[in-house]
Amino acid sequence: MIEVTNTYDLQPGANLESYAEWAKKAAAMTIQQAGLVELRAHRNMLGTPQIRTTSCWNSTSDWAAFADGPWRTLEQELRTFATNFKVEMWGPSPVLPTPLRPDPTGGAGA
């Protein structure tokens, strides 16, 4: 599984209603894509970048099919609202390849 993170700021004076419409449309289109595991969106409570989205994909080929298809138009539209746009692609760590979570019983966790 891979994670693709997009971070960006909104341009000064960006129309927030239009941006919200775009974000809802983009989310609806993204969650329909083959190979998508999860989509998360966050706002930075401490400054910039203001927005981060993380999409989790079964494989790089699943993400590439999205990036070369529907995302091309969505990204062009996003750039009318966004500045400082950055993309990162993350794969599993060779040291800790699976998530660690606390043991709900208070034990040693796994």
PDB file of N, CA and C in Angstrom:
ATOM      1  N   MET A   1       0.852  -1.176   0.000  1.00  0.00           N
ATOM      2  CA  MET A   1       0.000   0.000   0.000  1.00  0.00           C
ATOM      3  C   MET A   1       0.897   1.237   0.000  1.00  0.00           C
ATOM      4  N   ILE A   2       0.438   2.281  -0.679  1.00  0.00           N
ATOM      5  CA  ILE A   2       1.160   3.552  -0.701  1.00  0.00           C
ATOM      6  C   ILE A   2       0.227   4.668  -0.231  1.00  0.00           C
ATOM      7  N   GLU A   3       0.832   5.743   0.229  1.00  0.00           N
ATOM      8  CA  GLU A   3       0.079   6.943   0.591  1.00  0.00           C
ATOM      9  C   GLU A   3       0.590   8.100  -0.253  1.00  0.00           C
ATOM     10  N   VAL A   4      -0.337   8.858  -0.788  1.00  0.00           N
ATOM     11  CA  VAL A   4       0.006  10.044  -1.563  1.00  0.00           C
ATOM     12  C   VAL A   4      -0.539  11.250  -0.796  1.00  0.00           C
ATOM     13  N   THR A   5       0.357  12.160  -0.474  1.00  0.00           N
ATOM     14  CA  THR A   5      -0.008  13.339   0.300  1.00  0.00           C
ATOM     15  C   THR A   5       0.112  14.579  -0.571  1.00  0.00           C
ATOM     16  N   ASN A   6      -0.944  15.375  -0.597  1.00  0.00           N
ATOM     17  CA  ASN A   6      -0.926  16.677  -1.263  1.00  0.00           C
ATOM     18  C   ASN A   6      -1.048  17.744  -0.186  1.00  0.00           C
ATOM     19  N   THR A   7      -0.181  18.741  -0.232  1.00  0.00           N
ATOM     20  CA  THR A   7      -0.298  19.873   0.684  1.00  0.00           C
ATOM     21  C   THR A   7      -0.323  21.155  -0.139  1.00  0.00           C
ATOM     22  N   TYR A   8      -1.035  22.133   0.373  1.00  0.00           N
ATOM     23  CA  TYR A   8      -1.113  23.412  -0.331  1.00  0.00           C
ATOM     24  C   TYR A   8      -1.732  24.474   0.574  1.00  0.00           C
ATOM     25  N   ASP A   9      -1.589  25.708   0.125  1.00  0.00           N
ATOM     26  CA  ASP A   9      -2.236  26.865   0.738  1.00  0.00           C
ATOM     27  C   ASP A   9      -3.274  27.387  -0.243  1.00  0.00           C
ATOM     28  N   LEU A  10      -4.283  28.042   0.284  1.00  0.00           N
ATOM     29  CA  LEU A  10      -5.234  28.719  -0.599  1.00  0.00           C
ATOM     30  C   LEU A  10      -4.679  30.085  -0.962  1.00  0.00           C
ATOM     31  N   GLN A  11      -4.885  30.477  -2.212  1.00  0.00           N
ATOM     32  CA  GLN A  11      -4.424  31.786  -2.655  1.00  0.00           C
ATOM     33  C   GLN A  11      -5.178  32.878  -1.895  1.00  0.00           C
ATOM     34  N   PRO A  12      -4.512  33.976  -1.582  1.00  0.00           N
ATOM     35  CA  PRO A  12      -5.213  35.081  -0.948  1.00  0.00           C
ATOM     36  C   PRO A  12      -6.405  35.510  -1.810  1.00  0.00           C
ATOM     37  N   GLY A  13      -7.538  35.678  -1.193  1.00  0.00           N
ATOM     38  CA  GLY A  13      -8.738  36.106  -1.913  1.00  0.00           C
ATOM     39  C   GLY A  13      -9.444  34.994  -2.666  1.00  0.00           C
ATOM     40  N   ALA A  14      -9.021  33.748  -2.472  1.00  0.00           N
ATOM     41  CA  ALA A  14      -9.687  32.630  -3.162  1.00  0.00           C
ATOM     42  C   ALA A  14     -11.153  32.576  -2.741  1.00  0.00           C
ATOM     43  N   ASN A  15     -12.016  32.274  -3.675  1.00  0.00           N
ATOM     44  CA  ASN A  15     -13.441  32.138  -3.391  1.00  0.00           C
ATOM     45  C   ASN A  15     -13.653  30.833  -2.633  1.00  0.00           C
ATOM     46  N   LEU A  16     -13.919  30.932  -1.343  1.00  0.00           N
ATOM     47  CA  LEU A  16     -14.010  29.747  -0.488  1.00  0.00           C
ATOM     48  C   LEU A  16     -15.221  28.879  -0.816  1.00  0.00           C
ATOM     49  N   GLU A  17     -16.310  29.479  -1.263  1.00  0.00           N
ATOM     50  CA  GLU A  17     -17.476  28.682  -1.653  1.00  0.00           C
ATOM     51  C   GLU A  17     -17.167  27.850  -2.893  1.00  0.00           C
ATOM     52  N   SER A  18     -16.496  28.448  -3.867  1.00  0.00           N
ATOM     53  CA  SER A  18     -16.120  27.710  -5.081  1.00  0.00           C
ATOM     54  C   SER A  18     -15.105  26.625  -4.754  1.00  0.00           C
ATOM     55  N   TYR A  19     -14.167  26.937  -3.855  1.00  0.00           N
ATOM     56  CA  TYR A  19     -13.191  25.938  -3.451  1.00  0.00           C
ATOM     57  C   TYR A  19     -13.886  24.759  -2.761  1.00  0.00           C
ATOM     58  N   ALA A  20     -14.829  25.037  -1.879  1.00  0.00           N
ATOM     59  CA  ALA A  20     -15.554  23.968  -1.182  1.00  0.00           C
ATOM     60  C   ALA A  20     -16.310  23.095  -2.174  1.00  0.00           C
ATOM     61  N   GLU A  21     -16.914  23.696  -3.191  1.00  0.00           N
ATOM     62  CA  GLU A  21     -17.603  22.924  -4.235  1.00  0.00           C
ATOM     63  C   GLU A  21     -16.616  22.031  -4.971  1.00  0.00           C
ATOM     64  N   TRP A  22     -15.450  22.606  -5.320  1.00  0.00           N
ATOM     65  CA  TRP A  22     -14.438  21.806  -5.997  1.00  0.00           C
ATOM     66  C   TRP A  22     -13.996  20.636  -5.105  1.00  0.00           C
ATOM     67  N   ALA A  23     -13.749  20.901  -3.820  1.00  0.00           N
ATOM     68  CA  ALA A  23     -13.267  19.861  -2.904  1.00  0.00           C
ATOM     69  C   ALA A  23     -14.271  18.713  -2.785  1.00  0.00           C
ATOM     70  N   LYS A  24     -15.546  19.033  -2.711  1.00  0.00           N
ATOM     71  CA  LYS A  24     -16.577  17.985  -2.630  1.00  0.00           C
ATOM     72  C   LYS A  24     -16.618  17.168  -3.918  1.00  0.00           C
ATOM     73  N   LYS A  25     -16.518  17.841  -5.058  1.00  0.00           N
ATOM     74  CA  LYS A  25     -16.510  17.147  -6.346  1.00  0.00           C
ATOM     75  C   LYS A  25     -15.273  16.257  -6.459  1.00  0.00           C
ATOM     76  N   ALA A  26     -14.122  16.781  -6.059  1.00  0.00           N
ATOM     77  CA  ALA A  26     -12.878  16.012  -6.139  1.00  0.00           C
ATOM     78  C   ALA A  26     -12.926  14.791  -5.226  1.00  0.00           C
ATOM     79  N   ALA A  27     -13.454  14.956  -4.022  1.00  0.00           N
ATOM     80  CA  ALA A  27     -13.559  13.831  -3.085  1.00  0.00           C
ATOM     81  C   ALA A  27     -14.496  12.763  -3.635  1.00  0.00           C
ATOM     82  N   ALA A  28     -15.625  13.184  -4.185  1.00  0.00           N
ATOM     83  CA  ALA A  28     -16.590  12.226  -4.734  1.00  0.00           C
ATOM     84  C   ALA A  28     -15.983  11.442  -5.893  1.00  0.00           C
ATOM     85  N   MET A  29     -15.211  12.108  -6.735  1.00  0.00           N
ATOM     86  CA  MET A  29     -14.586  11.425  -7.857  1.00  0.00           C
ATOM     87  C   MET A  29     -13.469  10.497  -7.372  1.00  0.00           C
ATOM     88  N   THR A  30     -12.700  10.947  -6.406  1.00  0.00           N
ATOM     89  CA  THR A  30     -11.575  10.160  -5.905  1.00  0.00           C
ATOM     90  C   THR A  30     -12.036   8.865  -5.256  1.00  0.00           C
ATOM     91  N   ILE A  31     -13.075   8.923  -4.455  1.00  0.00           N
ATOM     92  CA  ILE A  31     -13.487   7.704  -3.739  1.00  0.00           C
ATOM     93  C   ILE A  31     -14.084   6.647  -4.662  1.00  0.00           C
ATOM     94  N   GLN A  32     -14.338   7.002  -5.901  1.00  0.00           N
ATOM     95  CA  GLN A  32     -14.846   6.035  -6.873  1.00  0.00           C
ATOM     96  C   GLN A  32     -13.727   5.302  -7.615  1.00  0.00           C
ATOM     97  N   GLN A  33     -12.478   5.661  -7.370  1.00  0.00           N
ATOM     98  CA  GLN A  33     -11.377   5.116  -8.152  1.00  0.00           C
ATOM     99  C   GLN A  33     -10.975   3.715  -7.694  1.00  0.00           C
ATOM    100  N   ALA A  34     -10.685   2.856  -8.660  1.00  0.00           N
ATOM    101  CA  ALA A  34     -10.219   1.498  -8.367  1.00  0.00           C
ATOM    102  C   ALA A  34      -8.902   1.566  -7.597  1.00  0.00           C
ATOM    103  N   GLY A  35      -8.794   0.760  -6.572  1.00  0.00           N
ATOM    104  CA  GLY A  35      -7.560   0.671  -5.801  1.00  0.00           C
ATOM    105  C   GLY A  35      -7.445   1.650  -4.651  1.00  0.00           C
ATOM    106  N   LEU A  36      -8.397   2.587  -4.530  1.00  0.00           N
ATOM    107  CA  LEU A  36      -8.347   3.518  -3.402  1.00  0.00           C
ATOM    108  C   LEU A  36      -8.765   2.793  -2.138  1.00  0.00           C
ATOM    109  N   VAL A  37      -7.977   2.961  -1.086  1.00  0.00           N
ATOM    110  CA  VAL A  37      -8.273   2.361   0.213  1.00  0.00           C
ATOM    111  C   VAL A  37      -8.940   3.387   1.123  1.00  0.00           C
ATOM    112  N   GLU A  38      -8.428   4.625   1.089  1.00  0.00           N
ATOM    113  CA  GLU A  38      -8.915   5.642   2.027  1.00  0.00           C
ATOM    114  C   GLU A  38      -8.511   7.026   1.534  1.00  0.00           C
ATOM    115  N   LEU A  39      -9.341   8.006   1.832  1.00  0.00           N
ATOM    116  CA  LEU A  39      -9.043   9.410   1.556  1.00  0.00           C
ATOM    117  C   LEU A  39      -9.273  10.188   2.842  1.00  0.00           C
ATOM    118  N   ARG A  40      -8.274  10.966   3.240  1.00  0.00           N
ATOM    119  CA  ARG A  40      -8.389  11.811   4.434  1.00  0.00           C
ATOM    120  C   ARG A  40      -8.025  13.248   4.069  1.00  0.00           C
ATOM    121  N   ALA A  41      -8.669  14.204   4.722  1.00  0.00           N
ATOM    122  CA  ALA A  41      -8.350  15.619   4.521  1.00  0.00           C
ATOM    123  C   ALA A  41      -8.195  16.283   5.882  1.00  0.00           C
ATOM    124  N   HIS A  42      -7.208  17.161   5.983  1.00  0.00           N
ATOM    125  CA  HIS A  42      -6.928  17.856   7.241  1.00  0.00           C
ATOM    126  C   HIS A  42      -6.613  19.319   6.982  1.00  0.00           C
ATOM    127  N   ARG A  43      -6.844  20.123   7.986  1.00  0.00           N
ATOM    128  CA  ARG A  43      -6.406  21.519   7.941  1.00  0.00           C
ATOM    129  C   ARG A  43      -5.309  21.681   8.979  1.00  0.00           C
ATOM    130  N   ASN A  44      -4.352  22.515   8.676  1.00  0.00           N
ATOM    131  CA  ASN A  44      -3.237  22.764   9.579  1.00  0.00           C
ATOM    132  C   ASN A  44      -3.683  23.795  10.613  1.00  0.00           C
ATOM    133  N   MET A  45      -3.659  23.422  11.843  1.00  0.00           N
ATOM    134  CA  MET A  45      -4.112  24.310  12.907  1.00  0.00           C
ATOM    135  C   MET A  45      -3.032  25.309  13.332  1.00  0.00           C
ATOM    136  N   LEU A  46      -1.819  25.167  12.775  1.00  0.00           N
ATOM    137  CA  LEU A  46      -0.708  26.019  13.194  1.00  0.00           C
ATOM    138  C   LEU A  46      -0.125  26.891  12.084  1.00  0.00           C
ATOM    139  N   GLY A  47      -0.666  26.850  10.883  1.00  0.00           N
ATOM    140  CA  GLY A  47      -0.115  27.702   9.837  1.00  0.00           C
ATOM    141  C   GLY A  47      -0.137  27.058   8.473  1.00  0.00           C
ATOM    142  N   THR A  48       1.039  27.043   7.821  1.00  0.00           N
ATOM    143  CA  THR A  48       1.106  26.527   6.465  1.00  0.00           C
ATOM    144  C   THR A  48       1.940  25.252   6.410  1.00  0.00           C
ATOM    145  N   PRO A  49       1.685  24.400   5.450  1.00  0.00           N
ATOM    146  CA  PRO A  49       0.605  24.516   4.485  1.00  0.00           C
ATOM    147  C   PRO A  49      -0.751  24.420   5.172  1.00  0.00           C
ATOM    148  N   GLN A  50      -1.741  25.045   4.594  1.00  0.00           N
ATOM    149  CA  GLN A  50      -3.062  25.100   5.212  1.00  0.00           C
ATOM    150  C   GLN A  50      -3.834  23.801   5.080  1.00  0.00           C
ATOM    151  N   ILE A  51      -3.614  23.067   3.990  1.00  0.00           N
ATOM    152  CA  ILE A  51      -4.440  21.899   3.682  1.00  0.00           C
ATOM    153  C   ILE A  51      -3.549  20.719   3.353  1.00  0.00           C
ATOM    154  N   ARG A  52      -3.951  19.539   3.849  1.00  0.00           N
ATOM    155  CA  ARG A  52      -3.269  18.284   3.507  1.00  0.00           C
ATOM    156  C   ARG A  52      -4.323  17.232   3.216  1.00  0.00           C
ATOM    157  N   THR A  53      -4.179  16.578   2.086  1.00  0.00           N
ATOM    158  CA  THR A  53      -5.007  15.412   1.811  1.00  0.00           C
ATOM    159  C   THR A  53      -4.080  14.213   1.681  1.00  0.00           C
ATOM    160  N   THR A  54      -4.542  13.082   2.166  1.00  0.00           N
ATOM    161  CA  THR A  54      -3.790  11.840   2.061  1.00  0.00           C
ATOM    162  C   THR A  54      -4.708  10.789   1.471  1.00  0.00           C
ATOM    163  N   SER A  55      -4.253  10.191   0.387  1.00  0.00           N
ATOM    164  CA  SER A  55      -5.001   9.092  -0.211  1.00  0.00           C
ATOM    165  C   SER A  55      -4.139   7.841  -0.113  1.00  0.00           C
ATOM    166  N   CYS A  56      -4.758   6.743   0.295  1.00  0.00           N
ATOM    167  CA  CYS A  56      -4.073   5.460   0.419  1.00  0.00           C
ATOM    168  C   CYS A  56      -4.542   4.575  -0.727  1.00  0.00           C
ATOM    169  N   TRP A  57      -3.588   3.938  -1.395  1.00  0.00           N
ATOM    170  CA  TRP A  57      -3.852   3.137  -2.588  1.00  0.00           C
ATOM    171  C   TRP A  57      -3.264   1.753  -2.419  1.00  0.00           C
ATOM    172  N   ASN A  58      -3.900   0.772  -3.032  1.00  0.00           N
ATOM    173  CA  ASN A  58      -3.386  -0.595  -2.987  1.00  0.00           C
ATOM    174  C   ASN A  58      -2.021  -0.702  -3.654  1.00  0.00           C
ATOM    175  N   SER A  59      -1.783   0.076  -4.715  1.00  0.00           N
ATOM    176  CA  SER A  59      -0.521  -0.028  -5.448  1.00  0.00           C
ATOM    177  C   SER A  59      -0.200   1.290  -6.144  1.00  0.00           C
ATOM    178  N   THR A  60       1.049   1.420  -6.570  1.00  0.00           N
ATOM    179  CA  THR A  60       1.434   2.610  -7.329  1.00  0.00           C
ATOM    180  C   THR A  60       0.724   2.647  -8.674  1.00  0.00           C
ATOM    181  N   SER A  61       0.436   1.486  -9.254  1.00  0.00           N
ATOM    182  CA  SER A  61      -0.271   1.483 -10.547  1.00  0.00           C
ATOM    183  C   SER A  61      -1.711   1.976 -10.381  1.00  0.00           C
ATOM    184  N   ASP A  62      -2.357   1.688  -9.241  1.00  0.00           N
ATOM    185  CA  ASP A  62      -3.699   2.217  -8.993  1.00  0.00           C
ATOM    186  C   ASP A  62      -3.656   3.741  -8.925  1.00  0.00           C
ATOM    187  N   TRP A  63      -2.673   4.265  -8.187  1.00  0.00           N
ATOM    188  CA  TRP A  63      -2.554   5.712  -8.071  1.00  0.00           C
ATOM    189  C   TRP A  63      -2.211   6.334  -9.429  1.00  0.00           C
ATOM    190  N   ALA A  64      -1.319   5.687 -10.169  1.00  0.00           N
ATOM    191  CA  ALA A  64      -0.921   6.227 -11.473  1.00  0.00           C
ATOM    192  C   ALA A  64      -2.109   6.306 -12.426  1.00  0.00           C
ATOM    193  N   ALA A  65      -2.983   5.303 -12.394  1.00  0.00           N
ATOM    194  CA  ALA A  65      -4.176   5.337 -13.253  1.00  0.00           C
ATOM    195  C   ALA A  65      -5.052   6.536 -12.899  1.00  0.00           C
ATOM    196  N   PHE A  66      -5.169   6.849 -11.628  1.00  0.00           N
ATOM    197  CA  PHE A  66      -5.931   8.016 -11.181  1.00  0.00           C
ATOM    198  C   PHE A  66      -5.201   9.300 -11.570  1.00  0.00           C
ATOM    199  N   ALA A  67      -3.896   9.349 -11.310  1.00  0.00           N
ATOM    200  CA  ALA A  67      -3.115  10.558 -11.586  1.00  0.00           C
ATOM    201  C   ALA A  67      -3.088  10.894 -13.073  1.00  0.00           C
ATOM    202  N   ASP A  68      -3.039   9.872 -13.907  1.00  0.00           N
ATOM    203  CA  ASP A  68      -3.003  10.097 -15.356  1.00  0.00           C
ATOM    204  C   ASP A  68      -4.392  10.254 -15.962  1.00  0.00           C
ATOM    205  N   GLY A  69      -5.423  10.029 -15.158  1.00  0.00           N
ATOM    206  CA  GLY A  69      -6.799  10.126 -15.640  1.00  0.00           C
ATOM    207  C   GLY A  69      -7.533  11.282 -14.987  1.00  0.00           C
ATOM    208  N   PRO A  70      -8.474  10.970 -14.079  1.00  0.00           N
ATOM    209  CA  PRO A  70      -9.329  12.005 -13.490  1.00  0.00           C
ATOM    210  C   PRO A  70      -8.568  13.111 -12.757  1.00  0.00           C
ATOM    211  N   TRP A  71      -7.432  12.777 -12.149  1.00  0.00           N
ATOM    212  CA  TRP A  71      -6.729  13.788 -11.363  1.00  0.00           C
ATOM    213  C   TRP A  71      -6.176  14.919 -12.211  1.00  0.00           C
ATOM    214  N   ARG A  72      -5.872  14.672 -13.469  1.00  0.00           N
ATOM    215  CA  ARG A  72      -5.314  15.741 -14.320  1.00  0.00           C
ATOM    216  C   ARG A  72      -6.226  16.961 -14.364  1.00  0.00           C
ATOM    217  N   THR A  73      -7.501  16.746 -14.601  1.00  0.00           N
ATOM    218  CA  THR A  73      -8.452  17.863 -14.647  1.00  0.00           C
ATOM    219  C   THR A  73      -8.655  18.455 -13.259  1.00  0.00           C
ATOM    220  N   LEU A  74      -8.788  17.588 -12.260  1.00  0.00           N
ATOM    221  CA  LEU A  74      -8.999  18.074 -10.894  1.00  0.00           C
ATOM    222  C   LEU A  74      -7.830  18.929 -10.421  1.00  0.00           C
ATOM    223  N   GLU A  75      -6.609  18.505 -10.736  1.00  0.00           N
ATOM    224  CA  GLU A  75      -5.436  19.276 -10.311  1.00  0.00           C
ATOM    225  C   GLU A  75      -5.394  20.639 -10.994  1.00  0.00           C
ATOM    226  N   GLN A  76      -5.723  20.680 -12.277  1.00  0.00           N
ATOM    227  CA  GLN A  76      -5.751  21.973 -12.980  1.00  0.00           C
ATOM    228  C   GLN A  76      -6.756  22.914 -12.323  1.00  0.00           C
ATOM    229  N   GLU A  77      -7.915  22.372 -11.954  1.00  0.00           N
ATOM    230  CA  GLU A  77      -8.929  23.192 -11.285  1.00  0.00           C
ATOM    231  C   GLU A  77      -8.439  23.629  -9.904  1.00  0.00           C
ATOM    232  N   LEU A  78      -7.792  22.721  -9.176  1.00  0.00           N
ATOM    233  CA  LEU A  78      -7.274  23.064  -7.846  1.00  0.00           C
ATOM    234  C   LEU A  78      -6.290  24.216  -7.917  1.00  0.00           C
ATOM    235  N   ARG A  79      -5.464  24.226  -8.929  1.00  0.00           N
ATOM    236  CA  ARG A  79      -4.433  25.264  -9.031  1.00  0.00           C
ATOM    237  C   ARG A  79      -5.020  26.656  -9.237  1.00  0.00           C
ATOM    238  N   THR A  80      -6.315  26.774  -9.534  1.00  0.00           N
ATOM    239  CA  THR A  80      -6.942  28.098  -9.595  1.00  0.00           C
ATOM    240  C   THR A  80      -7.207  28.630  -8.184  1.00  0.00           C
ATOM    241  N   PHE A  81      -7.204  27.742  -7.191  1.00  0.00           N
ATOM    242  CA  PHE A  81      -7.433  28.130  -5.794  1.00  0.00           C
ATOM    243  C   PHE A  81      -6.160  28.056  -4.950  1.00  0.00           C
ATOM    244  N   ALA A  82      -5.216  27.206  -5.351  1.00  0.00           N
ATOM    245  CA  ALA A  82      -4.106  26.822  -4.475  1.00  0.00           C
ATOM    246  C   ALA A  82      -2.770  27.392  -4.921  1.00  0.00           C
ATOM    247  N   THR A  83      -1.886  27.516  -3.957  1.00  0.00           N
ATOM    248  CA  THR A  83      -0.504  27.881  -4.190  1.00  0.00           C
ATOM    249  C   THR A  83       0.359  26.979  -3.307  1.00  0.00           C
ATOM    250  N   ASN A  84       1.635  26.939  -3.578  1.00  0.00           N
ATOM    251  CA  ASN A  84       2.573  26.103  -2.808  1.00  0.00           C
ATOM    252  C   ASN A  84       2.155  24.633  -2.813  1.00  0.00           C
ATOM    253  N   PHE A  85       1.683  24.156  -3.940  1.00  0.00           N
ATOM    254  CA  PHE A  85       1.197  22.781  -4.080  1.00  0.00           C
ATOM    255  C   PHE A  85       2.380  21.816  -4.077  1.00  0.00           C
ATOM    256  N   LYS A  86       2.277  20.777  -3.265  1.00  0.00           N
ATOM    257  CA  LYS A  86       3.347  19.786  -3.147  1.00  0.00           C
ATOM    258  C   LYS A  86       2.740  18.392  -3.067  1.00  0.00           C
ATOM    259  N   VAL A  87       3.370  17.430  -3.734  1.00  0.00           N
ATOM    260  CA  VAL A  87       2.922  16.038  -3.721  1.00  0.00           C
ATOM    261  C   VAL A  87       4.048  15.174  -3.162  1.00  0.00           C
ATOM    262  N   GLU A  88       3.697  14.259  -2.273  1.00  0.00           N
ATOM    263  CA  GLU A  88       4.645  13.271  -1.752  1.00  0.00           C
ATOM    264  C   GLU A  88       4.017  11.894  -1.860  1.00  0.00           C
ATOM    265  N   MET A  89       4.834  10.900  -2.198  1.00  0.00           N
ATOM    266  CA  MET A  89       4.360   9.521  -2.262  1.00  0.00           C
ATOM    267  C   MET A  89       5.173   8.707  -1.250  1.00  0.00           C
ATOM    268  N   TRP A  90       4.449   8.014  -0.369  1.00  0.00           N
ATOM    269  CA  TRP A  90       5.081   7.265   0.711  1.00  0.00           C
ATOM    270  C   TRP A  90       4.751   5.789   0.594  1.00  0.00           C
ATOM    271  N   GLY A  91       5.752   4.945   0.814  1.00  0.00           N
ATOM    272  CA  GLY A  91       5.573   3.501   0.846  1.00  0.00           C
ATOM    273  C   GLY A  91       5.842   2.992   2.254  1.00  0.00           C
ATOM    274  N   PRO A  92       5.649   1.703   2.485  1.00  0.00           N
ATOM    275  CA  PRO A  92       5.845   1.142   3.828  1.00  0.00           C
ATOM    276  C   PRO A  92       7.307   1.197   4.263  1.00  0.00           C
ATOM    277  N   SER A  93       7.510   1.357   5.540  1.00  0.00           N
ATOM    278  CA  SER A  93       8.844   1.365   6.124  1.00  0.00           C
ATOM    279  C   SER A  93       9.382  -0.065   6.191  1.00  0.00           C
ATOM    280  N   PRO A  94      10.649  -0.269   5.853  1.00  0.00           N
ATOM    281  CA  PRO A  94      11.209  -1.604   6.007  1.00  0.00           C
ATOM    282  C   PRO A  94      11.390  -1.987   7.482  1.00  0.00           C
ATOM    283  N   VAL A  95      11.431  -1.009   8.365  1.00  0.00           N
ATOM    284  CA  VAL A  95      11.613  -1.274   9.793  1.00  0.00           C
ATOM    285  C   VAL A  95      10.278  -1.553  10.484  1.00  0.00           C
ATOM    286  N   LEU A  96       9.267  -0.739  10.186  1.00  0.00           N
ATOM    287  CA  LEU A  96       7.925  -0.907  10.762  1.00  0.00           C
ATOM    288  C   LEU A  96       6.913  -0.919   9.622  1.00  0.00           C
ATOM    289  N   PRO A  97       6.784  -2.032   8.909  1.00  0.00           N
ATOM    290  CA  PRO A  97       5.949  -2.057   7.714  1.00  0.00           C
ATOM    291  C   PRO A  97       4.442  -2.029   7.965  1.00  0.00           C
ATOM    292  N   THR A  98       3.999  -2.300   9.170  1.00  0.00           N
ATOM    293  CA  THR A  98       2.570  -2.276   9.486  1.00  0.00           C
ATOM    294  C   THR A  98       2.330  -1.331  10.657  1.00  0.00           C
ATOM    295  N   PRO A  99       1.134  -0.768  10.745  1.00  0.00           N
ATOM    296  CA  PRO A  99       0.841   0.161  11.845  1.00  0.00           C
ATOM    297  C   PRO A  99       0.928  -0.528  13.205  1.00  0.00           C
ATOM    298  N   LEU A 100       1.368   0.220  14.176  1.00  0.00           N
ATOM    299  CA  LEU A 100       1.370  -0.234  15.567  1.00  0.00           C
ATOM    300  C   LEU A 100       0.256   0.484  16.296  1.00  0.00           C
ATOM    301  N   ARG A 101      -0.486  -0.250  17.095  1.00  0.00           N
ATOM    302  CA  ARG A 101      -1.585   0.344  17.852  1.00  0.00           C
ATOM    303  C   ARG A 101      -1.520  -0.150  19.286  1.00  0.00           C
ATOM    304  N   PRO A 102      -1.942   0.691  20.214  1.00  0.00           N
ATOM    305  CA  PRO A 102      -1.937   0.238  21.614  1.00  0.00           C
ATOM    306  C   PRO A 102      -2.920  -0.904  21.821  1.00  0.00           C
ATOM    307  N   ASP A 103      -2.581  -1.757  22.748  1.00  0.00           N
ATOM    308  CA  ASP A 103      -3.453  -2.872  23.122  1.00  0.00           C
ATOM    309  C   ASP A 103      -4.600  -2.298  23.940  1.00  0.00           C
ATOM    310  N   PRO A 104      -5.864  -2.478  23.505  1.00  0.00           N
ATOM    311  CA  PRO A 104      -6.995  -1.906  24.245  1.00  0.00           C
ATOM    312  C   PRO A 104      -7.156  -2.488  25.636  1.00  0.00           C
ATOM    313  N   THR A 105      -6.529  -3.623  25.910  1.00  0.00           N
ATOM    314  CA  THR A 105      -6.631  -4.225  27.244  1.00  0.00           C
ATOM    315  C   THR A 105      -5.549  -3.687  28.186  1.00  0.00           C
ATOM    316  N   GLY A 106      -4.677  -2.799  27.656  1.00  0.00           N
ATOM    317  CA  GLY A 106      -3.619  -2.230  28.488  1.00  0.00           C
ATOM    318  C   GLY A 106      -2.372  -3.071  28.513  1.00  0.00           C
ATOM    319  N   GLY A 107      -2.301  -4.099  27.688  1.00  0.00           N
ATOM    320  CA  GLY A 107      -1.135  -4.971  27.619  1.00  0.00           C
ATOM    321  C   GLY A 107      -0.013  -4.340  26.813  1.00  0.00           C
ATOM    322  N   ALA A 108       0.839  -5.174  26.265  1.00  0.00           N
ATOM    323  CA  ALA A 108       2.056  -4.733  25.588  1.00  0.00           C
ATOM    324  C   ALA A 108       1.808  -4.165  24.194  1.00  0.00           C
ATOM    325  N   GLY A 109       0.649  -4.287  23.614  1.00  0.00           N
ATOM    326  CA  GLY A 109       0.367  -3.718  22.288  1.00  0.00           C
ATOM    327  C   GLY A 109       1.050  -4.466  21.177  1.00  0.00           C
ATOM    328  N   ALA A 110       0.440  -4.421  20.006  1.00  0.00           N
ATOM    329  CA  ALA A 110       1.032  -5.094  18.855  1.00  0.00           C
ATOM    330  C   ALA A 110       0.654  -4.397  17.572  1.00  0.00           C
TER     331      ALA A 110
END
